Amino acid sequence: MDSKLLARVGAAVFVGLAVAMTLVQMREEPATRAGPVPIAWVPDGDPLPLQIKACAEMGELALSSPDCRAAWAEKRRRFLGVDHPEAYSGLADPALSDAPDLVVPTPVGEQRGED
């Protein structure tokens, strides 16, 4: 058998399979779409989820909003399970201010001051 004839037969078989698979796909019923996406549960009477959502929609302006910063702090406090809000503020901790100052080494070029 000639190699050209074998290549033509192989190509014809491939095209025939592709057409057959396309026809089978077209005869199938389209899959039904799922209903609307369920909304996550929001507890009644708690304004925090609505405030977080509003801050998310504000974009970069939310970074300078004290209301958004307070809402995010409350969200972190709830997520981390801290019982009182003062426990999360690490900047106001007096133990951190008692830490010794770090010694900053002088650059190599400034060490030769005697020359």
PDB file of N, CA and C in Angstrom:
ATOM      1  N   MET A   1       0.842  -1.175   0.000  1.00  0.00           N
ATOM      2  CA  MET A   1       0.000   0.000   0.000  1.00  0.00           C
ATOM      3  C   MET A   1       0.889   1.239   0.000  1.00  0.00           C
ATOM      4  N   ASP A   2       0.478   2.207  -0.730  1.00  0.00           N
ATOM      5  CA  ASP A   2       1.222   3.439  -0.880  1.00  0.00           C
ATOM      6  C   ASP A   2       1.060   4.287   0.392  1.00  0.00           C
ATOM      7  N   SER A   3       2.106   5.025   0.803  1.00  0.00           N
ATOM      8  CA  SER A   3       2.041   5.827   2.027  1.00  0.00           C
ATOM      9  C   SER A   3       1.092   7.016   1.875  1.00  0.00           C
ATOM     10  N   LYS A   4       0.969   7.550   0.673  1.00  0.00           N
ATOM     11  CA  LYS A   4       0.034   8.654   0.456  1.00  0.00           C
ATOM     12  C   LYS A   4      -1.407   8.179   0.634  1.00  0.00           C
ATOM     13  N   LEU A   5      -1.687   6.968   0.115  1.00  0.00           N
ATOM     14  CA  LEU A   5      -3.030   6.422   0.249  1.00  0.00           C
ATOM     15  C   LEU A   5      -3.351   6.150   1.714  1.00  0.00           C
ATOM     16  N   LEU A   6      -2.388   5.651   2.460  1.00  0.00           N
ATOM     17  CA  LEU A   6      -2.577   5.372   3.887  1.00  0.00           C
ATOM     18  C   LEU A   6      -2.820   6.677   4.663  1.00  0.00           C
ATOM     19  N   ALA A   7      -2.122   7.738   4.329  1.00  0.00           N
ATOM     20  CA  ALA A   7      -2.319   9.027   4.985  1.00  0.00           C
ATOM     21  C   ALA A   7      -3.702   9.580   4.670  1.00  0.00           C
ATOM     22  N   ARG A   8      -4.162   9.427   3.431  1.00  0.00           N
ATOM     23  CA  ARG A   8      -5.485   9.911   3.046  1.00  0.00           C
ATOM     24  C   ARG A   8      -6.581   9.139   3.780  1.00  0.00           C
ATOM     25  N   VAL A   9      -6.425   7.828   3.875  1.00  0.00           N
ATOM     26  CA  VAL A   9      -7.417   7.009   4.582  1.00  0.00           C
ATOM     27  C   VAL A   9      -7.439   7.403   6.058  1.00  0.00           C
ATOM     28  N   GLY A  10      -6.275   7.611   6.673  1.00  0.00           N
ATOM     29  CA  GLY A  10      -6.211   8.022   8.083  1.00  0.00           C
ATOM     30  C   GLY A  10      -6.864   9.379   8.296  1.00  0.00           C
ATOM     31  N   ALA A  11      -6.636  10.318   7.386  1.00  0.00           N
ATOM     32  CA  ALA A  11      -7.243  11.638   7.501  1.00  0.00           C
ATOM     33  C   ALA A  11      -8.754  11.547   7.342  1.00  0.00           C
ATOM     34  N   ALA A  12      -9.232  10.698   6.416  1.00  0.00           N
ATOM     35  CA  ALA A  12     -10.672  10.536   6.211  1.00  0.00           C
ATOM     36  C   ALA A  12     -11.322   9.916   7.442  1.00  0.00           C
ATOM     37  N   VAL A  13     -10.677   8.938   8.043  1.00  0.00           N
ATOM     38  CA  VAL A  13     -11.205   8.328   9.264  1.00  0.00           C
ATOM     39  C   VAL A  13     -11.253   9.367  10.392  1.00  0.00           C
ATOM     40  N   PHE A  14     -10.226  10.165  10.524  1.00  0.00           N
ATOM     41  CA  PHE A  14     -10.197  11.202  11.572  1.00  0.00           C
ATOM     42  C   PHE A  14     -11.320  12.213  11.367  1.00  0.00           C
ATOM     43  N   VAL A  15     -11.515  12.685  10.142  1.00  0.00           N
ATOM     44  CA  VAL A  15     -12.571  13.651   9.856  1.00  0.00           C
ATOM     45  C   VAL A  15     -13.941  13.020  10.093  1.00  0.00           C
ATOM     46  N   GLY A  16     -14.106  11.757   9.716  1.00  0.00           N
ATOM     47  CA  GLY A  16     -15.378  11.065   9.942  1.00  0.00           C
ATOM     48  C   GLY A  16     -15.694  10.935  11.421  1.00  0.00           C
ATOM     49  N   LEU A  17     -14.699  10.608  12.243  1.00  0.00           N
ATOM     50  CA  LEU A  17     -14.909  10.529  13.690  1.00  0.00           C
ATOM     51  C   LEU A  17     -15.254  11.891  14.277  1.00  0.00           C
ATOM     52  N   ALA A  18     -14.590  12.922  13.810  1.00  0.00           N
ATOM     53  CA  ALA A  18     -14.868  14.265  14.319  1.00  0.00           C
ATOM     54  C   ALA A  18     -16.293  14.682  13.979  1.00  0.00           C
ATOM     55  N   VAL A  19     -16.765  14.387  12.767  1.00  0.00           N
ATOM     56  CA  VAL A  19     -18.121  14.740  12.372  1.00  0.00           C
ATOM     57  C   VAL A  19     -19.127  13.937  13.184  1.00  0.00           C
ATOM     58  N   ALA A  20     -18.858  12.661  13.401  1.00  0.00           N
ATOM     59  CA  ALA A  20     -19.766  11.805  14.173  1.00  0.00           C
ATOM     60  C   ALA A  20     -19.869  12.294  15.618  1.00  0.00           C
ATOM     61  N   MET A  21     -18.760  12.645  16.233  1.00  0.00           N
ATOM     62  CA  MET A  21     -18.795  13.140  17.615  1.00  0.00           C
ATOM     63  C   MET A  21     -19.534  14.476  17.696  1.00  0.00           C
ATOM     64  N   THR A  22     -19.387  15.317  16.701  1.00  0.00           N
ATOM     65  CA  THR A  22     -20.102  16.600  16.685  1.00  0.00           C
ATOM     66  C   THR A  22     -21.601  16.372  16.589  1.00  0.00           C
ATOM     67  N   LEU A  23     -22.021  15.447  15.750  1.00  0.00           N
ATOM     68  CA  LEU A  23     -23.453  15.164  15.619  1.00  0.00           C
ATOM     69  C   LEU A  23     -24.030  14.593  16.910  1.00  0.00           C
ATOM     70  N   VAL A  24     -23.279  13.749  17.596  1.00  0.00           N
ATOM     71  CA  VAL A  24     -23.754  13.191  18.869  1.00  0.00           C
ATOM     72  C   VAL A  24     -23.895  14.302  19.904  1.00  0.00           C
ATOM     73  N   GLN A  25     -22.965  15.207  19.951  1.00  0.00           N
ATOM     74  CA  GLN A  25     -23.041  16.323  20.896  1.00  0.00           C
ATOM     75  C   GLN A  25     -24.220  17.231  20.585  1.00  0.00           C
ATOM     76  N   MET A  26     -24.517  17.439  19.333  1.00  0.00           N
ATOM     77  CA  MET A  26     -25.615  18.329  18.964  1.00  0.00           C
ATOM     78  C   MET A  26     -26.976  17.711  19.280  1.00  0.00           C
ATOM     79  N   ARG A  27     -27.096  16.398  19.300  1.00  0.00           N
ATOM     80  CA  ARG A  27     -28.367  15.744  19.578  1.00  0.00           C
ATOM     81  C   ARG A  27     -28.698  15.736  21.056  1.00  0.00           C
ATOM     82  N   GLU A  28     -27.710  15.870  21.925  1.00  0.00           N
ATOM     83  CA  GLU A  28     -27.958  15.848  23.364  1.00  0.00           C
ATOM     84  C   GLU A  28     -28.684  17.110  23.796  1.00  0.00           C
ATOM     85  N   GLU A  29     -29.506  16.983  24.837  1.00  0.00           N
ATOM     86  CA  GLU A  29     -30.198  18.127  25.410  1.00  0.00           C
ATOM     87  C   GLU A  29     -29.186  18.976  26.185  1.00  0.00           C
ATOM     88  N   PRO A  30     -29.310  20.295  26.100  1.00  0.00           N
ATOM     89  CA  PRO A  30     -28.375  21.124  26.871  1.00  0.00           C
ATOM     90  C   PRO A  30     -28.619  20.949  28.369  1.00  0.00           C
ATOM     91  N   ALA A  31     -27.570  21.035  29.123  1.00  0.00           N
ATOM     92  CA  ALA A  31     -27.658  20.881  30.571  1.00  0.00           C
ATOM     93  C   ALA A  31     -28.446  22.040  31.159  1.00  0.00           C
ATOM     94  N   THR A  32     -29.274  21.724  32.134  1.00  0.00           N
ATOM     95  CA  THR A  32     -30.044  22.789  32.775  1.00  0.00           C
ATOM     96  C   THR A  32     -29.118  23.608  33.652  1.00  0.00           C
ATOM     97  N   ARG A  33     -29.346  24.906  33.665  1.00  0.00           N
ATOM     98  CA  ARG A  33     -28.524  25.791  34.481  1.00  0.00           C
ATOM     99  C   ARG A  33     -28.996  25.735  35.919  1.00  0.00           C
ATOM    100  N   ALA A  34     -28.052  25.882  36.794  1.00  0.00           N
ATOM    101  CA  ALA A  34     -28.388  25.911  38.209  1.00  0.00           C
ATOM    102  C   ALA A  34     -29.145  27.199  38.518  1.00  0.00           C
ATOM    103  N   GLY A  35     -29.916  27.163  39.588  1.00  0.00           N
ATOM    104  CA  GLY A  35     -30.675  28.339  39.990  1.00  0.00           C
ATOM    105  C   GLY A  35     -29.746  29.433  40.476  1.00  0.00           C
ATOM    106  N   PRO A  36     -30.309  30.466  41.050  1.00  0.00           N
ATOM    107  CA  PRO A  36     -29.462  31.552  41.544  1.00  0.00           C
ATOM    108  C   PRO A  36     -28.525  31.067  42.650  1.00  0.00           C
ATOM    109  N   VAL A  37     -27.403  31.707  42.740  1.00  0.00           N
ATOM    110  CA  VAL A  37     -26.400  31.333  43.730  1.00  0.00           C
ATOM    111  C   VAL A  37     -26.941  31.668  45.121  1.00  0.00           C
ATOM    112  N   PRO A  38     -26.883  30.699  46.053  1.00  0.00           N
ATOM    113  CA  PRO A  38     -27.390  31.002  47.397  1.00  0.00           C
ATOM    114  C   PRO A  38     -26.512  32.033  48.096  1.00  0.00           C
ATOM    115  N   ILE A  39     -27.151  32.922  48.804  1.00  0.00           N
ATOM    116  CA  ILE A  39     -26.447  33.968  49.532  1.00  0.00           C
ATOM    117  C   ILE A  39     -26.033  33.415  50.889  1.00  0.00           C
ATOM    118  N   ALA A  40     -24.834  33.771  51.304  1.00  0.00           N
ATOM    119  CA  ALA A  40     -24.335  33.309  52.592  1.00  0.00           C
ATOM    120  C   ALA A  40     -25.233  33.817  53.718  1.00  0.00           C
ATOM    121  N   TRP A  41     -25.300  33.053  54.768  1.00  0.00           N
ATOM    122  CA  TRP A  41     -26.150  33.396  55.894  1.00  0.00           C
ATOM    123  C   TRP A  41     -25.625  34.645  56.589  1.00  0.00           C
ATOM    124  N   VAL A  42     -26.510  35.599  56.804  1.00  0.00           N
ATOM    125  CA  VAL A  42     -26.172  36.834  57.494  1.00  0.00           C
ATOM    126  C   VAL A  42     -27.005  36.873  58.766  1.00  0.00           C
ATOM    127  N   PRO A  43     -26.358  36.945  59.923  1.00  0.00           N
ATOM    128  CA  PRO A  43     -27.130  36.952  61.162  1.00  0.00           C
ATOM    129  C   PRO A  43     -28.005  38.203  61.262  1.00  0.00           C
ATOM    130  N   ASP A  44     -29.198  38.012  61.828  1.00  0.00           N
ATOM    131  CA  ASP A  44     -30.134  39.129  61.978  1.00  0.00           C
ATOM    132  C   ASP A  44     -29.655  40.083  63.058  1.00  0.00           C
ATOM    133  N   GLY A  45     -29.792  41.360  62.807  1.00  0.00           N
ATOM    134  CA  GLY A  45     -29.470  42.367  63.799  1.00  0.00           C
ATOM    135  C   GLY A  45     -27.994  42.704  63.904  1.00  0.00           C
ATOM    136  N   ASP A  46     -27.134  42.063  63.133  1.00  0.00           N
ATOM    137  CA  ASP A  46     -25.703  42.347  63.204  1.00  0.00           C
ATOM    138  C   ASP A  46     -25.324  43.231  62.011  1.00  0.00           C
ATOM    139  N   PRO A  47     -24.956  44.484  62.245  1.00  0.00           N
ATOM    140  CA  PRO A  47     -24.647  45.383  61.130  1.00  0.00           C
ATOM    141  C   PRO A  47     -23.245  45.184  60.552  1.00  0.00           C
ATOM    142  N   LEU A  48     -22.404  44.368  61.184  1.00  0.00           N
ATOM    143  CA  LEU A  48     -21.016  44.231  60.729  1.00  0.00           C
ATOM    144  C   LEU A  48     -20.905  43.691  59.300  1.00  0.00           C
ATOM    145  N   PRO A  49     -21.635  42.640  58.904  1.00  0.00           N
ATOM    146  CA  PRO A  49     -21.498  42.167  57.519  1.00  0.00           C
ATOM    147  C   PRO A  49     -21.870  43.233  56.488  1.00  0.00           C
ATOM    148  N   LEU A  50     -22.885  44.019  56.794  1.00  0.00           N
ATOM    149  CA  LEU A  50     -23.264  45.080  55.854  1.00  0.00           C
ATOM    150  C   LEU A  50     -22.200  46.168  55.786  1.00  0.00           C
ATOM    151  N   GLN A  51     -21.587  46.482  56.931  1.00  0.00           N
ATOM    152  CA  GLN A  51     -20.528  47.488  56.958  1.00  0.00           C
ATOM    153  C   GLN A  51     -19.302  47.001  56.194  1.00  0.00           C
ATOM    154  N   ILE A  52     -18.938  45.730  56.367  1.00  0.00           N
ATOM    155  CA  ILE A  52     -17.790  45.152  55.646  1.00  0.00           C
ATOM    156  C   ILE A  52     -18.061  45.179  54.144  1.00  0.00           C
ATOM    157  N   LYS A  53     -19.288  44.838  53.752  1.00  0.00           N
ATOM    158  CA  LYS A  53     -19.628  44.848  52.328  1.00  0.00           C
ATOM    159  C   LYS A  53     -19.562  46.266  51.763  1.00  0.00           C
ATOM    160  N   ALA A  54     -20.060  47.233  52.527  1.00  0.00           N
ATOM    161  CA  ALA A  54     -20.010  48.626  52.072  1.00  0.00           C
ATOM    162  C   ALA A  54     -18.565  49.097  51.940  1.00  0.00           C
ATOM    163  N   CYS A  55     -17.714  48.695  52.870  1.00  0.00           N
ATOM    164  CA  CYS A  55     -16.300  49.078  52.796  1.00  0.00           C
ATOM    165  C   CYS A  55     -15.621  48.431  51.592  1.00  0.00           C
ATOM    166  N   ALA A  56     -16.000  47.191  51.293  1.00  0.00           N
ATOM    167  CA  ALA A  56     -15.417  46.505  50.140  1.00  0.00           C
ATOM    168  C   ALA A  56     -15.803  47.202  48.847  1.00  0.00           C
ATOM    169  N   GLU A  57     -17.007  47.761  48.799  1.00  0.00           N
ATOM    170  CA  GLU A  57     -17.452  48.448  47.593  1.00  0.00           C
ATOM    171  C   GLU A  57     -16.832  49.839  47.454  1.00  0.00           C
ATOM    172  N   MET A  58     -16.320  50.394  48.562  1.00  0.00           N
ATOM    173  CA  MET A  58     -15.722  51.726  48.523  1.00  0.00           C
ATOM    174  C   MET A  58     -14.370  51.735  47.819  1.00  0.00           C
ATOM    175  N   GLY A  59     -13.690  50.632  47.817  1.00  0.00           N
ATOM    176  CA  GLY A  59     -12.377  50.562  47.185  1.00  0.00           C
ATOM    177  C   GLY A  59     -11.304  51.165  48.074  1.00  0.00           C
ATOM    178  N   GLU A  60     -10.405  51.959  47.475  1.00  0.00           N
ATOM    179  CA  GLU A  60      -9.290  52.535  48.225  1.00  0.00           C
ATOM    180  C   GLU A  60      -9.721  53.602  49.226  1.00  0.00           C
ATOM    181  N   LEU A  61     -10.878  54.192  49.030  1.00  0.00           N
ATOM    182  CA  LEU A  61     -11.365  55.200  49.978  1.00  0.00           C
ATOM    183  C   LEU A  61     -11.610  54.587  51.358  1.00  0.00           C
ATOM    184  N   ALA A  62     -11.838  53.289  51.403  1.00  0.00           N
ATOM    185  CA  ALA A  62     -12.103  52.625  52.676  1.00  0.00           C
ATOM    186  C   ALA A  62     -10.865  52.616  53.570  1.00  0.00           C
ATOM    187  N   LEU A  63      -9.690  52.730  52.989  1.00  0.00           N
ATOM    188  CA  LEU A  63      -8.462  52.711  53.793  1.00  0.00           C
ATOM    189  C   LEU A  63      -8.374  53.905  54.728  1.00  0.00           C
ATOM    190  N   SER A  64      -8.956  55.023  54.331  1.00  0.00           N
ATOM    191  CA  SER A  64      -8.885  56.219  55.165  1.00  0.00           C
ATOM    192  C   SER A  64     -10.145  56.437  55.997  1.00  0.00           C
ATOM    193  N   SER A  65     -11.108  55.552  55.892  1.00  0.00           N
ATOM    194  CA  SER A  65     -12.361  55.703  56.624  1.00  0.00           C
ATOM    195  C   SER A  65     -12.233  55.091  58.024  1.00  0.00           C
ATOM    196  N   PRO A  66     -12.473  55.866  59.077  1.00  0.00           N
ATOM    197  CA  PRO A  66     -12.395  55.306  60.429  1.00  0.00           C
ATOM    198  C   PRO A  66     -13.475  54.264  60.687  1.00  0.00           C
ATOM    199  N   ASP A  67     -14.641  54.401  60.040  1.00  0.00           N
ATOM    200  CA  ASP A  67     -15.696  53.402  60.208  1.00  0.00           C
ATOM    201  C   ASP A  67     -15.262  52.052  59.641  1.00  0.00           C
ATOM    202  N   CYS A  68     -14.607  52.072  58.488  1.00  0.00           N
ATOM    203  CA  CYS A  68     -14.144  50.826  57.878  1.00  0.00           C
ATOM    204  C   CYS A  68     -13.024  50.197  58.708  1.00  0.00           C
ATOM    205  N   ARG A  69     -12.121  51.037  59.198  1.00  0.00           N
ATOM    206  CA  ARG A  69     -11.045  50.502  60.043  1.00  0.00           C
ATOM    207  C   ARG A  69     -11.615  49.859  61.298  1.00  0.00           C
ATOM    208  N   ALA A  70     -12.636  50.470  61.891  1.00  0.00           N
ATOM    209  CA  ALA A  70     -13.259  49.894  63.084  1.00  0.00           C
ATOM    210  C   ALA A  70     -13.974  48.589  62.741  1.00  0.00           C
ATOM    211  N   ALA A  71     -14.629  48.543  61.586  1.00  0.00           N
ATOM    212  CA  ALA A  71     -15.323  47.320  61.177  1.00  0.00           C
ATOM    213  C   ALA A  71     -14.323  46.194  60.930  1.00  0.00           C
ATOM    214  N   TRP A  72     -13.201  46.497  60.287  1.00  0.00           N
ATOM    215  CA  TRP A  72     -12.191  45.464  60.043  1.00  0.00           C
ATOM    216  C   TRP A  72     -11.568  44.986  61.353  1.00  0.00           C
ATOM    217  N   ALA A  73     -11.350  45.891  62.284  1.00  0.00           N
ATOM    218  CA  ALA A  73     -10.789  45.497  63.584  1.00  0.00           C
ATOM    219  C   ALA A  73     -11.761  44.572  64.315  1.00  0.00           C
ATOM    220  N   GLU A  74     -13.039  44.892  64.247  1.00  0.00           N
ATOM    221  CA  GLU A  74     -14.035  44.029  64.889  1.00  0.00           C
ATOM    222  C   GLU A  74     -14.097  42.675  64.202  1.00  0.00           C
ATOM    223  N   LYS A  75     -13.994  42.672  62.881  1.00  0.00           N
ATOM    224  CA  LYS A  75     -14.002  41.406  62.134  1.00  0.00           C
ATOM    225  C   LYS A  75     -12.796  40.552  62.522  1.00  0.00           C
ATOM    226  N   ARG A  76     -11.609  41.164  62.635  1.00  0.00           N
ATOM    227  CA  ARG A  76     -10.416  40.419  63.065  1.00  0.00           C
ATOM    228  C   ARG A  76     -10.589  39.899  64.482  1.00  0.00           C
ATOM    229  N   ARG A  77     -11.147  40.745  65.354  1.00  0.00           N
ATOM    230  CA  ARG A  77     -11.336  40.337  66.745  1.00  0.00           C
ATOM    231  C   ARG A  77     -12.251  39.129  66.825  1.00  0.00           C
ATOM    232  N   ARG A  78     -13.323  39.137  66.055  1.00  0.00           N
ATOM    233  CA  ARG A  78     -14.246  37.995  66.054  1.00  0.00           C
ATOM    234  C   ARG A  78     -13.597  36.765  65.448  1.00  0.00           C
ATOM    235  N   PHE A  79     -12.848  36.951  64.363  1.00  0.00           N
ATOM    236  CA  PHE A  79     -12.223  35.812  63.696  1.00  0.00           C
ATOM    237  C   PHE A  79     -11.173  35.157  64.581  1.00  0.00           C
ATOM    238  N   LEU A  80     -10.382  35.977  65.258  1.00  0.00           N
ATOM    239  CA  LEU A  80      -9.323  35.430  66.103  1.00  0.00           C
ATOM    240  C   LEU A  80      -9.844  34.961  67.462  1.00  0.00           C
ATOM    241  N   GLY A  81     -11.078  35.304  67.788  1.00  0.00           N
ATOM    242  CA  GLY A  81     -11.671  34.826  69.022  1.00  0.00           C
ATOM    243  C   GLY A  81     -11.182  35.541  70.260  1.00  0.00           C
ATOM    244  N   VAL A  82     -10.802  36.790  70.133  1.00  0.00           N
ATOM    245  CA  VAL A  82     -10.326  37.564  71.278  1.00  0.00           C
ATOM    246  C   VAL A  82     -11.542  38.065  72.046  1.00  0.00           C
ATOM    247  N   ASP A  83     -11.503  37.931  73.392  1.00  0.00           N
ATOM    248  CA  ASP A  83     -12.664  38.292  74.193  1.00  0.00           C
ATOM    249  C   ASP A  83     -12.839  39.793  74.366  1.00  0.00           C
ATOM    250  N   HIS A  84     -11.773  40.552  74.424  1.00  0.00           N
ATOM    251  CA  HIS A  84     -11.905  41.995  74.611  1.00  0.00           C
ATOM    252  C   HIS A  84     -11.085  42.712  73.537  1.00  0.00           C
ATOM    253  N   PRO A  85     -11.568  43.858  73.062  1.00  0.00           N
ATOM    254  CA  PRO A  85     -10.932  44.532  71.926  1.00  0.00           C
ATOM    255  C   PRO A  85      -9.517  45.018  72.195  1.00  0.00           C
ATOM    256  N   GLU A  86      -9.189  45.339  73.459  1.00  0.00           N
ATOM    257  CA  GLU A  86      -7.862  45.879  73.743  1.00  0.00           C
ATOM    258  C   GLU A  86      -6.763  44.828  73.564  1.00  0.00           C
ATOM    259  N   ALA A  87      -7.123  43.567  73.564  1.00  0.00           N
ATOM    260  CA  ALA A  87      -6.114  42.513  73.461  1.00  0.00           C
ATOM    261  C   ALA A  87      -5.485  42.457  72.082  1.00  0.00           C
ATOM    262  N   TYR A  88      -6.140  42.989  71.076  1.00  0.00           N
ATOM    263  CA  TYR A  88      -5.596  42.889  69.728  1.00  0.00           C
ATOM    264  C   TYR A  88      -4.713  44.068  69.366  1.00  0.00           C
ATOM    265  N   SER A  89      -4.816  45.162  70.071  1.00  0.00           N
ATOM    266  CA  SER A  89      -4.021  46.341  69.704  1.00  0.00           C
ATOM    267  C   SER A  89      -2.604  46.194  70.245  1.00  0.00           C
ATOM    268  N   GLY A  90      -1.698  45.746  69.416  1.00  0.00           N
ATOM    269  CA  GLY A  90      -0.317  45.521  69.833  1.00  0.00           C
ATOM    270  C   GLY A  90       0.492  46.792  69.922  1.00  0.00           C
ATOM    271  N   LEU A  91       0.065  47.881  69.294  1.00  0.00           N
ATOM    272  CA  LEU A  91       0.830  49.115  69.315  1.00  0.00           C
ATOM    273  C   LEU A  91       0.725  49.832  70.651  1.00  0.00           C
ATOM    274  N   ALA A  92      -0.382  49.653  71.364  1.00  0.00           N
ATOM    275  CA  ALA A  92      -0.560  50.333  72.636  1.00  0.00           C
ATOM    276  C   ALA A  92      -0.016  49.515  73.808  1.00  0.00           C
ATOM    277  N   ASP A  93       0.684  48.429  73.523  1.00  0.00           N
ATOM    278  CA  ASP A  93       1.197  47.554  74.565  1.00  0.00           C
ATOM    279  C   ASP A  93       2.432  48.194  75.214  1.00  0.00           C
ATOM    280  N   PRO A  94       2.414  48.459  76.530  1.00  0.00           N
ATOM    281  CA  PRO A  94       3.577  49.094  77.156  1.00  0.00           C
ATOM    282  C   PRO A  94       4.792  48.173  77.206  1.00  0.00           C
ATOM    283  N   ALA A  95       4.599  46.864  77.104  1.00  0.00           N
ATOM    284  CA  ALA A  95       5.739  45.947  77.140  1.00  0.00           C
ATOM    285  C   ALA A  95       6.625  46.132  75.913  1.00  0.00           C
ATOM    286  N   LEU A  96       6.034  46.538  74.803  1.00  0.00           N
ATOM    287  CA  LEU A  96       6.830  46.747  73.596  1.00  0.00           C
ATOM    288  C   LEU A  96       7.699  47.990  73.696  1.00  0.00           C
ATOM    289  N   SER A  97       7.261  48.988  74.439  1.00  0.00           N
ATOM    290  CA  SER A  97       8.055  50.211  74.541  1.00  0.00           C
ATOM    291  C   SER A  97       9.262  50.017  75.462  1.00  0.00           C
ATOM    292  N   ASP A  98       9.271  48.987  76.317  1.00  0.00           N
ATOM    293  CA  ASP A  98      10.401  48.704  77.189  1.00  0.00           C
ATOM    294  C   ASP A  98      11.505  47.935  76.481  1.00  0.00           C
ATOM    295  N   ALA A  99      11.298  47.556  75.245  1.00  0.00           N
ATOM    296  CA  ALA A  99      12.305  46.803  74.505  1.00  0.00           C
ATOM    297  C   ALA A  99      13.511  47.706  74.248  1.00  0.00           C
ATOM    298  N   PRO A 100      14.727  47.133  74.300  1.00  0.00           N
ATOM    299  CA  PRO A 100      15.924  47.957  74.062  1.00  0.00           C
ATOM    300  C   PRO A 100      15.979  48.417  72.611  1.00  0.00           C
ATOM    301  N   ASP A 101      16.588  49.583  72.421  1.00  0.00           N
ATOM    302  CA  ASP A 101      16.747  50.110  71.077  1.00  0.00           C
ATOM    303  C   ASP A 101      17.752  49.274  70.308  1.00  0.00           C
ATOM    304  N   LEU A 102      17.525  49.135  69.017  1.00  0.00           N
ATOM    305  CA  LEU A 102      18.444  48.386  68.186  1.00  0.00           C
ATOM    306  C   LEU A 102      19.642  49.258  67.839  1.00  0.00           C
ATOM    307  N   VAL A 103      20.821  48.646  67.833  1.00  0.00           N
ATOM    308  CA  VAL A 103      22.039  49.361  67.483  1.00  0.00           C
ATOM    309  C   VAL A 103      22.181  49.312  65.978  1.00  0.00           C
ATOM    310  N   VAL A 104      22.298  50.469  65.363  1.00  0.00           N
ATOM    311  CA  VAL A 104      22.439  50.557  63.921  1.00  0.00           C
ATOM    312  C   VAL A 104      23.922  50.636  63.607  1.00  0.00           C
ATOM    313  N   PRO A 105      24.468  49.651  62.867  1.00  0.00           N
ATOM    314  CA  PRO A 105      25.893  49.694  62.543  1.00  0.00           C
ATOM    315  C   PRO A 105      26.192  50.805  61.555  1.00  0.00           C
ATOM    316  N   THR A 106      27.383  51.351  61.674  1.00  0.00           N
ATOM    317  CA  THR A 106      27.804  52.405  60.742  1.00  0.00           C
ATOM    318  C   THR A 106      28.260  51.773  59.439  1.00  0.00           C
ATOM    319  N   PRO A 107      28.069  52.445  58.344  1.00  0.00           N
ATOM    320  CA  PRO A 107      28.507  51.892  57.058  1.00  0.00           C
ATOM    321  C   PRO A 107      30.022  51.724  57.018  1.00  0.00           C
ATOM    322  N   VAL A 108      30.469  50.839  56.154  1.00  0.00           N
ATOM    323  CA  VAL A 108      31.885  50.490  56.074  1.00  0.00           C
ATOM    324  C   VAL A 108      32.738  51.697  55.714  1.00  0.00           C
ATOM    325  N   GLY A 109      32.277  52.549  54.843  1.00  0.00           N
ATOM    326  CA  GLY A 109      33.065  53.697  54.404  1.00  0.00           C
ATOM    327  C   GLY A 109      33.282  54.718  55.525  1.00  0.00           C
ATOM    328  N   GLU A 110      32.397  54.792  56.501  1.00  0.00           N
ATOM    329  CA  GLU A 110      32.507  55.786  57.573  1.00  0.00           C
ATOM    330  C   GLU A 110      33.328  55.279  58.757  1.00  0.00           C
ATOM    331  N   GLN A 111      33.757  54.023  58.754  1.00  0.00           N
ATOM    332  CA  GLN A 111      34.520  53.469  59.854  1.00  0.00           C
ATOM    333  C   GLN A 111      35.969  53.932  59.829  1.00  0.00           C
ATOM    334  N   ARG A 112      36.460  54.397  58.723  1.00  0.00           N
ATOM    335  CA  ARG A 112      37.865  54.811  58.588  1.00  0.00           C
ATOM    336  C   ARG A 112      37.978  56.306  58.771  1.00  0.00           C
ATOM    337  N   GLY A 113      37.535  56.840  59.856  1.00  0.00           N
ATOM    338  CA  GLY A 113      37.562  58.267  60.077  1.00  0.00           C
ATOM    339  C   GLY A 113      38.931  58.811  60.451  1.00  0.00           C
ATOM    340  N   GLU A 114      39.921  57.962  60.739  1.00  0.00           N
ATOM    341  CA  GLU A 114      41.225  58.425  61.208  1.00  0.00           C
ATOM    342  C   GLU A 114      42.165  58.765  60.075  1.00  0.00           C
ATOM    343  N   ASP A 115      41.858  58.390  58.854  1.00  0.00           N
ATOM    344  CA  ASP A 115      42.782  58.616  57.716  1.00  0.00           C
ATOM    345  C   ASP A 115      42.968  60.058  57.409  1.00  0.00           C
TER     346      ASP A 115
END
